[in-house]
C-alpha atoms as a PDB file:
ATOM      1  CA  MET A   1      -0.016   0.140  -0.064  1.00  0.00           C
ATOM      2  CA  SER A   2       1.308   3.323  -0.784  1.00  0.00           C
ATOM      3  CA  ASN A   3       1.031   4.842   2.081  1.00  0.00           C
ATOM      4  CA  LYS A   4       2.931   2.237   4.559  1.00  0.00           C
ATOM      5  CA  ILE A   5       5.825   3.985   5.958  1.00  0.00           C
ATOM      6  CA  LEU A   6       8.487   1.525   6.373  1.00  0.00           C
ATOM      7  CA  LEU A   7      11.373   1.151   8.628  1.00  0.00           C
ATOM      8  CA  ILE A   8      13.411  -1.379   7.008  1.00  0.00           C
ATOM      9  CA  LEU A   9      16.323  -2.929   9.208  1.00  0.00           C
ATOM     10  CA  ILE A  10      19.167  -3.572   6.523  1.00  0.00           C
ATOM     11  CA  LEU A  11      21.748  -5.788   7.856  1.00  0.00           C
ATOM     12  CA  LEU A  12      20.705  -5.732  12.027  1.00  0.00           C
ATOM     13  CA  TYR A  13      24.252  -4.300  12.869  1.00  0.00           C
ATOM     14  CA  GLY A  14      25.489  -2.252  15.399  1.00  0.00           C
ATOM     15  CA  CYS A  15      23.051  -1.370  18.496  1.00  0.00           C
ATOM     16  CA  SER A  16      22.716   1.189  21.095  1.00  0.00           C
ATOM     17  CA  THR A  17      20.745   0.700  24.605  1.00  0.00           C
ATOM     18  CA  ASN A  18      18.543   4.157  26.253  1.00  0.00           C
ATOM     19  CA  VAL A  19      16.471   3.883  29.248  1.00  0.00           C
ATOM     20  CA  VAL A  20      12.816   2.837  29.092  1.00  0.00           C
ATOM     21  CA  HIS A  21      10.407   6.142  28.674  1.00  0.00           C
ATOM     22  CA  GLU A  22       8.451   6.955  31.901  1.00  0.00           C
ATOM     23  CA  GLU A  23       6.516  10.258  30.137  1.00  0.00           C
ATOM     24  CA  GLN A  24       2.914   9.707  29.176  1.00  0.00           C
ATOM     25  CA  PRO A  25       2.071  10.231  25.357  1.00  0.00           C
ATOM     26  CA  LYS A  26       1.799  13.517  23.860  1.00  0.00           C
ATOM     27  CA  GLU A  27      -1.407  12.590  21.969  1.00  0.00           C
ATOM     28  CA  VAL A  28      -3.748   9.671  21.947  1.00  0.00           C
ATOM     29  CA  PHE A  29      -3.877   8.148  19.086  1.00  0.00           C
ATOM     30  CA  THR A  30      -7.043   7.220  17.302  1.00  0.00           C
ATOM     31  CA  GLY A  31      -8.346   6.169  13.413  1.00  0.00           C
ATOM     32  CA  THR A  32      -7.056   3.474  11.593  1.00  0.00           C
ATOM     33  CA  ALA A  33      -4.222   1.485  12.185  1.00  0.00           C
ATOM     34  CA  GLU A  34      -2.583   3.047   8.930  1.00  0.00           C
ATOM     35  CA  ASN A  35      -3.433   6.553   9.872  1.00  0.00           C
ATOM     36  CA  ILE A  36      -1.860   5.917  13.540  1.00  0.00           C
ATOM     37  CA  LEU A  37       1.117   4.471  11.873  1.00  0.00           C
ATOM     38  CA  ALA A  38       1.456   7.777   9.763  1.00  0.00           C
ATOM     39  CA  GLN A  39       1.081   9.942  12.815  1.00  0.00           C
ATOM     40  CA  ALA A  40       3.752   7.946  14.728  1.00  0.00           C
ATOM     41  CA  GLN A  41       6.083   8.286  11.811  1.00  0.00           C
ATOM     42  CA  LYS A  42       5.763  12.044  12.031  1.00  0.00           C
ATOM     43  CA  TYR A  43       6.762  11.621  15.627  1.00  0.00           C
ATOM     44  CA  TYR A  44       9.712   9.408  14.662  1.00  0.00           C
ATOM     45  CA  GLU A  45      11.316  11.830  11.873  1.00  0.00           C
ATOM     46  CA  GLN A  46      11.206  14.233  14.511  1.00  0.00           C
ATOM     47  CA  ASP A  47      13.138  11.979  16.836  1.00  0.00           C
ATOM     48  CA  ASP A  48      10.360  12.071  19.615  1.00  0.00           C
ATOM     49  CA  PHE A  49      10.673   8.484  20.096  1.00  0.00           C
ATOM     50  CA  LYS A  50       8.873   8.301  23.051  1.00  0.00           C
ATOM     51  CA  THR A  51       5.531   9.461  21.634  1.00  0.00           C
ATOM     52  CA  ALA A  52       6.302   7.797  18.117  1.00  0.00           C
ATOM     53  CA  ILE A  53       6.417   4.374  19.924  1.00  0.00           C
ATOM     54  CA  ASN A  54       3.065   4.625  21.791  1.00  0.00           C
ATOM     55  CA  GLY A  55       1.360   4.680  17.922  1.00  0.00           C
ATOM     56  CA  TYR A  56       3.774   1.958  17.020  1.00  0.00           C
ATOM     57  CA  GLU A  57       2.224  -0.040  19.560  1.00  0.00           C
ATOM     58  CA  LYS A  58      -1.430   0.605  19.295  1.00  0.00           C
ATOM     59  CA  ALA A  59      -1.193   0.233  15.777  1.00  0.00           C
ATOM     60  CA  ALA A  60       0.904  -3.005  16.197  1.00  0.00           C
ATOM     61  CA  ASP A  61      -1.976  -4.407  18.597  1.00  0.00           C
ATOM     62  CA  MET A  62      -4.165  -3.503  16.442  1.00  0.00           C
ATOM     63  CA  GLY A  63      -2.578  -6.492  13.585  1.00  0.00           C
ATOM     64  CA  PHE A  64      -0.715  -3.686  11.238  1.00  0.00           C
ATOM     65  CA  ASP A  65       1.585  -5.870  10.167  1.00  0.00           C
ATOM     66  CA  VAL A  66       3.964  -2.695   9.365  1.00  0.00           C
ATOM     67  CA  ALA A  67       3.743  -1.335  12.793  1.00  0.00           C
ATOM     68  CA  GLN A  68       4.435  -3.980  14.086  1.00  0.00           C
ATOM     69  CA  ASN A  69       8.223  -4.479  12.526  1.00  0.00           C
ATOM     70  CA  ASN A  70       8.926  -1.139  13.182  1.00  0.00           C
ATOM     71  CA  LEU A  71       8.212  -2.171  16.909  1.00  0.00           C
ATOM     72  CA  GLY A  72      10.209  -4.475  16.127  1.00  0.00           C
ATOM     73  CA  PHE A  73      13.355  -2.472  15.400  1.00  0.00           C
ATOM     74  CA  MET A  74      12.509  -0.104  18.204  1.00  0.00           C
ATOM     75  CA  TYR A  75      13.490  -2.946  20.345  1.00  0.00           C
ATOM     76  CA  TYR A  76      15.999  -4.221  17.977  1.00  0.00           C
ATOM     77  CA  GLU A  77      18.025  -0.477  18.380  1.00  0.00           C
ATOM     78  CA  GLY A  78      17.076   0.464  22.272  1.00  0.00           C
ATOM     79  CA  LYS A  79      15.329   3.172  20.950  1.00  0.00           C
ATOM     80  CA  VAL A  80      13.059   4.618  23.815  1.00  0.00           C
ATOM     81  CA  VAL A  81      12.543   1.019  25.170  1.00  0.00           C
ATOM     82  CA  THR A  82      15.049  -0.787  26.697  1.00  0.00           C
ATOM     83  CA  GLN A  83      16.771  -3.269  23.844  1.00  0.00           C
ATOM     84  CA  ASP A  84      15.204  -6.515  23.875  1.00  0.00           C
ATOM     85  CA  PHE A  85      16.189  -8.738  21.010  1.00  0.00           C
ATOM     86  CA  ASN A  86      13.366 -11.619  21.964  1.00  0.00           C
ATOM     87  CA  LYS A  87      10.873  -8.726  21.330  1.00  0.00           C
ATOM     88  CA  ALA A  88      12.475  -7.231  18.224  1.00  0.00           C
ATOM     89  CA  ILE A  89      11.681 -10.955  17.112  1.00  0.00           C
ATOM     90  CA  ASP A  90       8.512 -11.797  18.431  1.00  0.00           C
ATOM     91  CA  TRP A  91       7.487  -8.388  16.648  1.00  0.00           C
ATOM     92  CA  PHE A  92       8.858  -9.335  13.395  1.00  0.00           C
ATOM     93  CA  GLN A  93       7.788 -12.999  13.520  1.00  0.00           C
ATOM     94  CA  LYS A  94       4.315 -11.536  13.590  1.00  0.00           C
ATOM     95  CA  ALA A  95       4.875  -8.885  10.791  1.00  0.00           C
ATOM     96  CA  ALA A  96       6.554 -11.664   9.025  1.00  0.00           C
ATOM     97  CA  GLU A  97       3.537 -14.231   9.489  1.00  0.00           C
ATOM     98  CA  LEU A  98       1.384 -11.646   7.667  1.00  0.00           C
ATOM     99  CA  GLY A  99       3.946 -11.716   4.549  1.00  0.00           C
ATOM    100  CA  LEU A 100       5.709  -8.327   5.141  1.00  0.00           C
ATOM    101  CA  ALA A 101       9.258  -9.027   2.948  1.00  0.00           C
ATOM    102  CA  ASP A 102      10.740  -6.256   5.302  1.00  0.00           C
ATOM    103  CA  ALA A 103       9.805  -8.210   8.447  1.00  0.00           C
ATOM    104  CA  GLN A 104      10.884 -11.492   7.088  1.00  0.00           C
ATOM    105  CA  TYR A 105      14.071 -10.209   5.932  1.00  0.00           C
ATOM    106  CA  ASN A 106      14.671  -8.817   9.806  1.00  0.00           C
ATOM    107  CA  LEU A 107      13.818 -12.048  11.065  1.00  0.00           C
ATOM    108  CA  ALA A 108      16.009 -14.335   8.755  1.00  0.00           C
ATOM    109  CA  ASN A 109      18.921 -11.591   9.419  1.00  0.00           C
ATOM    110  CA  MET A 110      18.702 -12.205  12.779  1.00  0.00           C
ATOM    111  CA  TYR A 111      18.600 -16.320  12.534  1.00  0.00           C
ATOM    112  CA  GLN A 112      21.311 -15.802  10.797  1.00  0.00           C
ATOM    113  CA  THR A 113      23.468 -13.844  12.576  1.00  0.00           C
ATOM    114  CA  GLY A 114      22.241 -14.943  15.695  1.00  0.00           C
ATOM    115  CA  LYS A 115      21.042 -11.992  17.586  1.00  0.00           C
ATOM    116  CA  GLY A 116      18.930 -12.860  20.183  1.00  0.00           C
ATOM    117  CA  VAL A 117      18.152 -16.259  19.224  1.00  0.00           C
ATOM    118  CA  PRO A 118      20.791 -19.240  18.929  1.00  0.00           C
ATOM    119  CA  LYS A 119      21.820 -19.236  14.994  1.00  0.00           C
ATOM    120  CA  ASN A 120      19.949 -21.318  12.200  1.00  0.00           C
ATOM    121  CA  TYR A 121      20.489 -21.307   8.992  1.00  0.00           C
ATOM    122  CA  ILE A 122      17.483 -23.628   7.783  1.00  0.00           C
ATOM    123  CA  LYS A 123      15.212 -21.058   9.545  1.00  0.00           C
ATOM    124  CA  ALA A 124      17.341 -17.811   7.991  1.00  0.00           C
ATOM    125  CA  LEU A 125      16.913 -19.478   3.969  1.00  0.00           C
ATOM    126  CA  ASN A 126      13.002 -20.282   5.167  1.00  0.00           C
ATOM    127  CA  TRP A 127      12.672 -16.526   5.945  1.00  0.00           C
ATOM    128  CA  TYR A 128      14.890 -15.377   3.004  1.00  0.00           C
ATOM    129  CA  ARG A 129      12.734 -17.139   0.836  1.00  0.00           C
ATOM    130  CA  LYS A 130       9.870 -16.004   1.420  1.00  0.00           C
ATOM    131  CA  ALA A 131      11.077 -12.443   1.404  1.00  0.00           C
ATOM    132  CA  ALA A 132      13.161 -13.482  -2.185  1.00  0.00           C
ATOM    133  CA  LYS A 133       9.689 -14.393  -3.845  1.00  0.00           C
ATOM    134  CA  GLN A 134       8.607 -11.426  -3.141  1.00  0.00           C
ATOM    135  CA  GLY A 135      10.967  -9.775  -4.636  1.00  0.00           C
ATOM    136  CA  ASP A 136      13.438  -8.549  -1.600  1.00  0.00           C
ATOM    137  CA  SER A 137      16.725  -7.794  -3.381  1.00  0.00           C
ATOM    138  CA  LYS A 138      18.108  -7.588   0.396  1.00  0.00           C
ATOM    139  CA  ALA A 139      16.886 -11.176   0.559  1.00  0.00           C
ATOM    140  CA  LYS A 140      18.367 -12.633  -2.793  1.00  0.00           C
ATOM    141  CA  PHE A 141      21.507 -11.064  -1.665  1.00  0.00           C
ATOM    142  CA  SER A 142      22.078 -12.977   1.975  1.00  0.00           C
ATOM    143  CA  LEU A 143      20.498 -15.966  -0.354  1.00  0.00           C
ATOM    144  CA  GLY A 144      23.553 -15.579  -2.555  1.00  0.00           C
ATOM    145  CA  GLN A 145      25.818 -14.831   0.240  1.00  0.00           C
ATOM    146  CA  MET A 146      25.003 -18.179   2.126  1.00  0.00           C
ATOM    147  CA  SER A 147      25.373 -20.200  -0.559  1.00  0.00           C
ATOM    148  CA  TYR A 148      29.031 -18.502  -1.538  1.00  0.00           C
ATOM    149  CA  LEU A 149      29.873 -19.254   2.297  1.00  0.00           C
ATOM    150  CA  GLY A 150      28.064 -22.510   2.442  1.00  0.00           C
ATOM    151  CA  GLU A 151      25.975 -21.642   5.617  1.00  0.00           C
ATOM    152  CA  GLY A 152      22.833 -23.532   5.839  1.00  0.00           C
ATOM    153  CA  VAL A 153      23.628 -24.966   2.271  1.00  0.00           C
ATOM    154  CA  PRO A 154      26.740 -26.683   0.516  1.00  0.00           C
ATOM    155  CA  GLN A 155      29.629 -23.716  -0.407  1.00  0.00           C
ATOM    156  CA  ASN A 156      27.974 -23.325  -4.202  1.00  0.00           C
ATOM    157  CA  SER A 157      29.551 -20.541  -5.539  1.00  0.00           C
ATOM    158  CA  LEU A 158      27.440 -20.889  -9.278  1.00  0.00           C
ATOM    159  CA  HIS A 159      24.119 -20.917  -7.262  1.00  0.00           C
ATOM    160  CA  ALA A 160      25.646 -17.936  -5.277  1.00  0.00           C
ATOM    161  CA  LYS A 161      26.285 -15.905  -8.578  1.00  0.00           C
ATOM    162  CA  ARG A 162      22.674 -16.682  -9.423  1.00  0.00           C
ATOM    163  CA  PHE A 163      21.408 -14.963  -6.474  1.00  0.00           C
ATOM    164  CA  PHE A 164      23.665 -12.147  -6.406  1.00  0.00           C
ATOM    165  CA  TRP A 165      22.787 -11.722  -9.898  1.00  0.00           C
ATOM    166  CA  LYS A 166      19.169 -11.164  -9.598  1.00  0.00           C
ATOM    167  CA  ALA A 167      19.752  -8.782  -6.621  1.00  0.00           C
ATOM    168  CA  ALA A 168      22.180  -6.659  -8.221  1.00  0.00           C
ATOM    169  CA  MET A 169      19.866  -6.615 -11.464  1.00  0.00           C
ATOM    170  CA  SER A 170      17.648  -5.148  -8.637  1.00  0.00           C
ATOM    171  CA  GLY A 171      19.659  -2.181  -7.901  1.00  0.00           C
ATOM    172  CA  ASP A 172      21.275  -3.956  -4.967  1.00  0.00           C
ATOM    173  CA  ALA A 173      24.633  -2.115  -4.407  1.00  0.00           C
ATOM    174  CA  THR A 174      26.423  -5.078  -1.899  1.00  0.00           C
ATOM    175  CA  ALA A 175      25.446  -7.743  -4.587  1.00  0.00           C
ATOM    176  CA  GLN A 176      26.502  -6.016  -7.638  1.00  0.00           C
ATOM    177  CA  GLN A 177      30.247  -5.701  -5.554  1.00  0.00           C
ATOM    178  CA  TYR A 178      30.328  -9.499  -4.946  1.00  0.00           C
ATOM    179  CA  LEU A 179      29.094  -9.567  -8.479  1.00  0.00           C
ATOM    180  CA  ALA A 180      32.084  -7.950  -9.853  1.00  0.00           C
ATOM    181  CA  LYS A 181      34.396  -9.746  -7.537  1.00  0.00           C
ATOM    182  CA  MET A 182      33.549 -13.323  -8.550  1.00  0.00           C
ATOM    183  CA  TYR A 183      34.150 -11.672 -12.087  1.00  0.00           C
ATOM    184  CA  GLN A 184      37.163 -10.218 -10.977  1.00  0.00           C
ATOM    185  CA  LYS A 185      38.351 -13.988  -9.657  1.00  0.00           C
ATOM    186  CA  GLY A 186      36.459 -16.150 -12.005  1.00  0.00           C
ATOM    187  CA  GLU A 187      34.563 -17.815  -9.123  1.00  0.00           C
ATOM    188  CA  GLY A 188      31.467 -19.119 -10.452  1.00  0.00           C
ATOM    189  CA  VAL A 189      31.794 -17.791 -13.659  1.00  0.00           C
ATOM    190  CA  ASN A 190      34.880 -17.318 -16.072  1.00  0.00           C
ATOM    191  CA  LYS A 191      36.928 -14.293 -15.334  1.00  0.00           C
ATOM    192  CA  ASN A 192      35.510 -11.402 -17.236  1.00  0.00           C
ATOM    193  CA  PHE A 193      37.274  -7.481 -16.128  1.00  0.00           C
ATOM    194  CA  SER A 194      35.212  -6.121 -18.192  1.00  0.00           C
ATOM    195  CA  GLU A 195      32.219  -7.135 -16.374  1.00  0.00           C
ATOM    196  CA  ALA A 196      34.078  -7.140 -13.105  1.00  0.00           C
ATOM    197  CA  LYS A 197      34.477  -3.050 -13.768  1.00  0.00           C
ATOM    198  CA  ARG A 198      30.852  -2.843 -15.492  1.00  0.00           C
ATOM    199  CA  TRP A 199      29.584  -4.338 -11.638  1.00  0.00           C
ATOM    200  CA  PHE A 200      32.104  -2.125  -9.588  1.00  0.00           C
ATOM    201  CA  ASN A 201      30.979   1.063 -11.478  1.00  0.00           C
ATOM    202  CA  LYS A 202      26.838   0.266 -11.070  1.00  0.00           C
ATOM    203  CA  ALA A 203      27.691   0.139  -7.197  1.00  0.00           C
ATOM    204  CA  ALA A 204      30.557   2.778  -6.672  1.00  0.00           C
ATOM    205  CA  GLU A 205      27.989   5.023  -8.591  1.00  0.00           C
ATOM    206  CA  GLN A 206      25.402   4.189  -5.395  1.00  0.00           C
ATOM    207  CA  GLY A 207      28.150   5.561  -2.974  1.00  0.00           C
ATOM    208  CA  TYR A 208      29.253   2.015  -2.166  1.00  0.00           C
ATOM    209  CA  ALA A 209      32.550   2.888  -0.744  1.00  0.00           C
ATOM    210  CA  GLU A 210      34.317  -0.976  -1.219  1.00  0.00           C
ATOM    211  CA  ALA A 211      33.504  -1.060  -4.730  1.00  0.00           C
ATOM    212  CA  GLN A 212      34.323   2.664  -5.399  1.00  0.00           C
ATOM    213  CA  TYR A 213      38.318   1.349  -4.092  1.00  0.00           C
ATOM    214  CA  ASP A 214      38.005  -1.632  -6.294  1.00  0.00           C
ATOM    215  CA  LEU A 215      37.329   0.319  -9.479  1.00  0.00           C
ATOM    216  CA  GLY A 216      39.897   2.913  -8.675  1.00  0.00           C
ATOM    217  CA  LEU A 217      42.409   0.107  -8.243  1.00  0.00           C
ATOM    218  CA  MET A 218      41.485  -1.289 -11.614  1.00  0.00           C
ATOM    219  CA  TYR A 219      42.417   2.492 -12.962  1.00  0.00           C
ATOM    220  CA  TYR A 220      45.311   2.041 -11.029  1.00  0.00           C
ATOM    221  CA  LYS A 221      46.858  -0.900 -11.953  1.00  0.00           C
ATOM    222  CA  GLY A 222      45.850  -1.154 -15.478  1.00  0.00           C
ATOM    223  CA  GLU A 223      45.927  -4.669 -15.765  1.00  0.00           C
ATOM    224  CA  HIS A 224      44.171  -6.312 -18.718  1.00  0.00           C
ATOM    225  CA  ASN A 225      42.038  -5.039 -21.023  1.00  0.00           C
ATOM    226  CA  ILE A 226      41.518  -2.083 -18.426  1.00  0.00           C
ATOM    227  CA  LYS A 227      43.017   1.321 -19.659  1.00  0.00           C
ATOM    228  CA  GLN A 228      45.758   2.573 -17.102  1.00  0.00           C
ATOM    229  CA  ASP A 229      44.192   6.085 -15.634  1.00  0.00           C
ATOM    230  CA  PHE A 230      45.819   7.692 -12.887  1.00  0.00           C
ATOM    231  CA  ASP A 231      42.840  10.651 -12.927  1.00  0.00           C
ATOM    232  CA  GLN A 232      40.369   7.963 -13.095  1.00  0.00           C
ATOM    233  CA  ALA A 233      41.973   6.180  -9.848  1.00  0.00           C
ATOM    234  CA  GLU A 234      41.801   9.053  -7.871  1.00  0.00           C
ATOM    235  CA  LYS A 235      38.635  10.205  -8.477  1.00  0.00           C
ATOM    236  CA  TRP A 236      37.181   6.960  -6.849  1.00  0.00           C
ATOM    237  CA  PHE A 237      39.748   6.509  -4.216  1.00  0.00           C
ATOM    238  CA  ARG A 238      38.788  10.152  -3.303  1.00  0.00           C
ATOM    239  CA  LYS A 239      34.876   9.029  -2.956  1.00  0.00           C
ATOM    240  CA  ALA A 240      35.807   6.324  -1.309  1.00  0.00           C
ATOM    241  CA  ALA A 241      38.398   7.522   1.404  1.00  0.00           C
ATOM    242  CA  LYS A 242      36.027  10.831   2.145  1.00  0.00           C
ATOM    243  CA  GLN A 243      33.732   7.838   3.918  1.00  0.00           C
ATOM    244  CA  GLY A 244      36.966   6.559   5.854  1.00  0.00           C
ATOM    245  CA  TYR A 245      37.815   3.652   3.926  1.00  0.00           C
ATOM    246  CA  ALA A 246      41.094   2.403   4.734  1.00  0.00           C
ATOM    247  CA  LYS A 247      42.109   1.167   1.665  1.00  0.00           C
ATOM    248  CA  ALA A 248      41.113   4.503  -0.699  1.00  0.00           C
ATOM    249  CA  GLN A 249      42.851   6.417   2.254  1.00  0.00           C
ATOM    250  CA  SER A 250      46.286   4.503   1.867  1.00  0.00           C
ATOM    251  CA  GLY A 251      45.809   4.618  -2.004  1.00  0.00           C
ATOM    252  CA  MET A 252      45.535   8.356  -1.905  1.00  0.00           C
ATOM    253  CA  GLY A 253      48.886   8.449   0.072  1.00  0.00           C
ATOM    254  CA  ASN A 254      50.391   7.013  -2.284  1.00  0.00           C
ATOM    255  CA  LEU A 255      49.095   8.703  -5.302  1.00  0.00           C
ATOM    256  CA  TYR A 256      50.266  11.882  -3.689  1.00  0.00           C
ATOM    257  CA  TYR A 257      53.750  10.265  -3.086  1.00  0.00           C
ATOM    258  CA  GLN A 258      54.347   9.147  -6.385  1.00  0.00           C
ATOM    259  CA  GLY A 259      52.629  12.367  -8.080  1.00  0.00           C
ATOM    260  CA  LYS A 260      49.874  10.098 -10.194  1.00  0.00           C
ATOM    261  CA  GLY A 261      46.707  11.872 -10.852  1.00  0.00           C
ATOM    262  CA  VAL A 262      47.552  14.571  -8.449  1.00  0.00           C
ATOM    263  CA  LYS A 263      50.894  17.247  -8.048  1.00  0.00           C
ATOM    264  CA  GLN A 264      53.021  15.103  -5.788  1.00  0.00           C
ATOM    265  CA  HIS A 265      52.837  16.337  -2.447  1.00  0.00           C
ATOM    266  CA  TYR A 266      54.055  14.604   0.559  1.00  0.00           C
ATOM    267  CA  GLY A 267      52.276  16.140   3.282  1.00  0.00           C
ATOM    268  CA  GLU A 268      48.884  14.936   1.589  1.00  0.00           C
ATOM    269  CA  ALA A 269      50.546  11.853   1.334  1.00  0.00           C
ATOM    270  CA  ALA A 270      51.048  11.323   5.014  1.00  0.00           C
ATOM    271  CA  HIS A 271      47.764  13.177   6.304  1.00  0.00           C
ATOM    272  CA  TRP A 272      46.433   9.692   4.281  1.00  0.00           C
ATOM    273  CA  ALA A 273      48.165   7.477   5.442  1.00  0.00           C
ATOM    274  CA  MET A 274      48.571   8.384   9.065  1.00  0.00           C
ATOM    275  CA  LEU A 275      43.926   8.050   8.664  1.00  0.00           C
ATOM    276  CA  ALA A 276      44.293   4.362   6.901  1.00  0.00           C
ATOM    277  CA  ALA A 277      47.338   3.556   9.263  1.00  0.00           C
ATOM    278  CA  LYS A 278      44.909   4.524  12.674  1.00  0.00           C
ATOM    279  CA  GLN A 279      42.897   1.743  11.213  1.00  0.00           C
ATOM    280  CA  GLY A 280      44.843  -0.287  11.503  1.00  0.00           C
ATOM    281  CA  LEU A 281      45.881  -0.706   8.133  1.00  0.00           C
ATOM    282  CA  ALA A 282      49.989  -2.567   7.692  1.00  0.00           C
ATOM    283  CA  ASP A 283      50.759  -1.208   4.490  1.00  0.00           C
ATOM    284  CA  ALA A 284      49.641   1.999   5.281  1.00  0.00           C
ATOM    285  CA  GLN A 285      51.413   1.744   8.998  1.00  0.00           C
ATOM    286  CA  ASN A 286      54.510   0.753   6.685  1.00  0.00           C
ATOM    287  CA  ASN A 287      53.908   3.860   4.762  1.00  0.00           C
ATOM    288  CA  LEU A 288      53.675   6.070   7.218  1.00  0.00           C
ATOM    289  CA  GLY A 289      56.529   4.845   9.614  1.00  0.00           C
ATOM    290  CA  MET A 290      58.823   5.155   6.637  1.00  0.00           C
ATOM    291  CA  MET A 291      57.837   8.689   6.066  1.00  0.00           C
ATOM    292  CA  TYR A 292      58.693   9.355   9.604  1.00  0.00           C
ATOM    293  CA  TYR A 293      61.689   7.829   8.654  1.00  0.00           C
ATOM    294  CA  LYS A 294      62.777  10.038   5.550  1.00  0.00           C
ATOM    295  CA  GLY A 295      61.287  12.850   7.236  1.00  0.00           C
ATOM    296  CA  GLU A 296      58.692  13.174   4.204  1.00  0.00           C
ATOM    297  CA  GLY A 297      55.759  15.109   4.962  1.00  0.00           C
ATOM    298  CA  VAL A 298      56.504  14.836   8.843  1.00  0.00           C
ATOM    299  CA  LYS A 299      58.359  15.531  10.556  1.00  0.00           C
ATOM    300  CA  LYS A 300      61.862  13.293  10.763  1.00  0.00           C
ATOM    301  CA  ASP A 301      61.204  10.965  13.758  1.00  0.00           C
ATOM    302  CA  LEU A 302      62.937   7.205  14.055  1.00  0.00           C
ATOM    303  CA  ILE A 303      61.198   6.627  17.169  1.00  0.00           C
ATOM    304  CA  GLN A 304      57.395   7.090  15.082  1.00  0.00           C
ATOM    305  CA  ALA A 305      59.475   5.792  12.460  1.00  0.00           C
ATOM    306  CA  TYR A 306      59.674   3.056  14.796  1.00  0.00           C
ATOM    307  CA  LYS A 307      55.870   2.894  16.088  1.00  0.00           C
ATOM    308  CA  TRP A 308      54.275   2.663  12.561  1.00  0.00           C
ATOM    309  CA  VAL A 309      56.683   0.291  11.223  1.00  0.00           C
ATOM    310  CA  SER A 310      56.593  -2.188  14.021  1.00  0.00           C
ATOM    311  CA  LEU A 311      52.788  -1.924  14.251  1.00  0.00           C
ATOM    312  CA  ALA A 312      52.663  -3.432  10.613  1.00  0.00           C
ATOM    313  CA  ALA A 313      55.577  -6.020  11.070  1.00  0.00           C
ATOM    314  CA  LYS A 314      53.328  -7.261  13.461  1.00  0.00           C
ATOM    315  CA  GLN A 315      50.601  -7.829  11.085  1.00  0.00           C
ATOM    316  CA  ASP A 316      53.011 -10.196   8.999  1.00  0.00           C
ATOM    317  CA  ASN A 317      53.491  -7.368   6.164  1.00  0.00           C
ATOM    318  CA  GLN A 318      56.703  -8.246   4.753  1.00  0.00           C
ATOM    319  CA  ALA A 319      57.940  -4.828   3.607  1.00  0.00           C
ATOM    320  CA  ALA A 320      56.948  -4.030   7.425  1.00  0.00           C
ATOM    321  CA  ILE A 321      59.221  -7.015   8.762  1.00  0.00           C
ATOM    322  CA  GLY A 322      62.036  -6.001   6.727  1.00  0.00           C
ATOM    323  CA  GLY A 323      61.667  -2.289   7.552  1.00  0.00           C
ATOM    324  CA  LEU A 324      61.437  -3.312  11.373  1.00  0.00           C
ATOM    325  CA  ASN A 325      65.117  -4.850  10.872  1.00  0.00           C
ATOM    326  CA  PHE A 326      66.645  -1.964   9.176  1.00  0.00           C
ATOM    327  CA  LEU A 327      65.559   0.062  11.663  1.00  0.00           C
ATOM    328  CA  LEU A 328      66.767  -2.016  14.537  1.00  0.00           C
ATOM    329  CA  GLU A 329      69.855  -1.439  13.292  1.00  0.00           C
ATOM    330  CA  LYS A 330      69.623   2.188  13.683  1.00  0.00           C
ATOM    331  CA  LEU A 331      68.335   3.094  16.460  1.00  0.00           C
ATOM    332  CA  SER A 332      69.881   3.441  19.988  1.00  0.00           C
ATOM    333  CA  VAL A 333      68.488   0.844  22.757  1.00  0.00           C
ATOM    334  CA  LYS A 334      66.699   3.996  24.194  1.00  0.00           C
ATOM    335  CA  GLN A 335      64.573   4.940  21.004  1.00  0.00           C
ATOM    336  CA  VAL A 336      63.759   0.966  20.720  1.00  0.00           C
ATOM    337  CA  THR A 337      62.541   0.674  24.249  1.00  0.00           C
ATOM    338  CA  GLU A 338      60.485   3.749  23.664  1.00  0.00           C
ATOM    339  CA  GLY A 339      59.262   3.183  20.424  1.00  0.00           C
ATOM    340  CA  GLU A 340      58.033  -0.562  21.673  1.00  0.00           C
ATOM    341  CA  ARG A 341      56.157   1.644  24.608  1.00  0.00           C
ATOM    342  CA  LEU A 342      54.246   3.517  21.890  1.00  0.00           C
ATOM    343  CA  VAL A 343      53.295   0.124  19.963  1.00  0.00           C
ATOM    344  CA  HIS A 344      52.047  -1.225  23.526  1.00  0.00           C
ATOM    345  CA  LYS A 345      49.898   2.371  23.987  1.00  0.00           C
ATOM    346  CA  VAL A 346      48.512   0.967  20.775  1.00  0.00           C
ATOM    347  CA  ILE A 347      47.824  -2.494  21.263  1.00  0.00           C
ATOM    348  CA  ASP A 348      46.713  -2.413  24.730  1.00  0.00           C
ATOM    349  CA  LYS A 349      44.285   0.436  23.750  1.00  0.00           C
ATOM    350  CA  PRO A 350      40.669  -0.976  24.134  1.00  0.00           C
END
């Protein structure tokens, strides 16, 4: 129905807990369940969750599937009410049994991830299939993911590709990214870098950071039938880097360091490498460490050099392992001791 307002729970990641509300509702909701839901949604959009949930509860008790799904979302997120996965599942179940595809997807995802219930891939598959039959692209992707990983079904790249393709054709960016990777690696399909690029581009245009980076990387490398283009590499790396994607931030650092697609600038190179290094990306940590050693873009600092190279080496980065051995020959015992202190300060940080 066109006037249904849906709160769609995309991948059920990340949760927060708020205090149970004690205030009386601002408004006594009246009318049909759909009217009540529409009124409640207005309060939700104004971040007045305490009032909104009263409307959701009333419409849900009247048997309105969309309100039940929204109420499940509120319990899952812990908005106003105390976070309660069991109640979230109960409301998703009610809406799912009434045939709401979004609730079927949400319920399946909880069974797949084990949120509030023991993992149950059979139930997850069952509810994903119900949602997928209604055209839900997220459910199609998840079915592909389960085939790809062998969760609840035998691992089968060909079956995974078929589900990813269906979801990708519906515009699901995550499915487009997975499908591109399969064409790039030759999983379930013959390797086809032109097809990989095409699907990376579709996901990238939707703002999917990983796809933006992978597309930029294809332009950066210029492998196979993809023409090398540093301007395009910079364009897509920057889009992903601005979203905080560490590999793209490191890629931007490399472009500025080498002067490819941008004017060479060691300060910018160090800036982007630092952002990625702080996220724990080993390549960026090693690059930053060597910039500290050489004093490129940052003030020369052998202790900082040791810190970042050592952090990368602890992740078995081969270049960093060689760099660390090199630095151990250059630094004094005192410098190494201080460097180790900084390393453990990072490692021991909660």
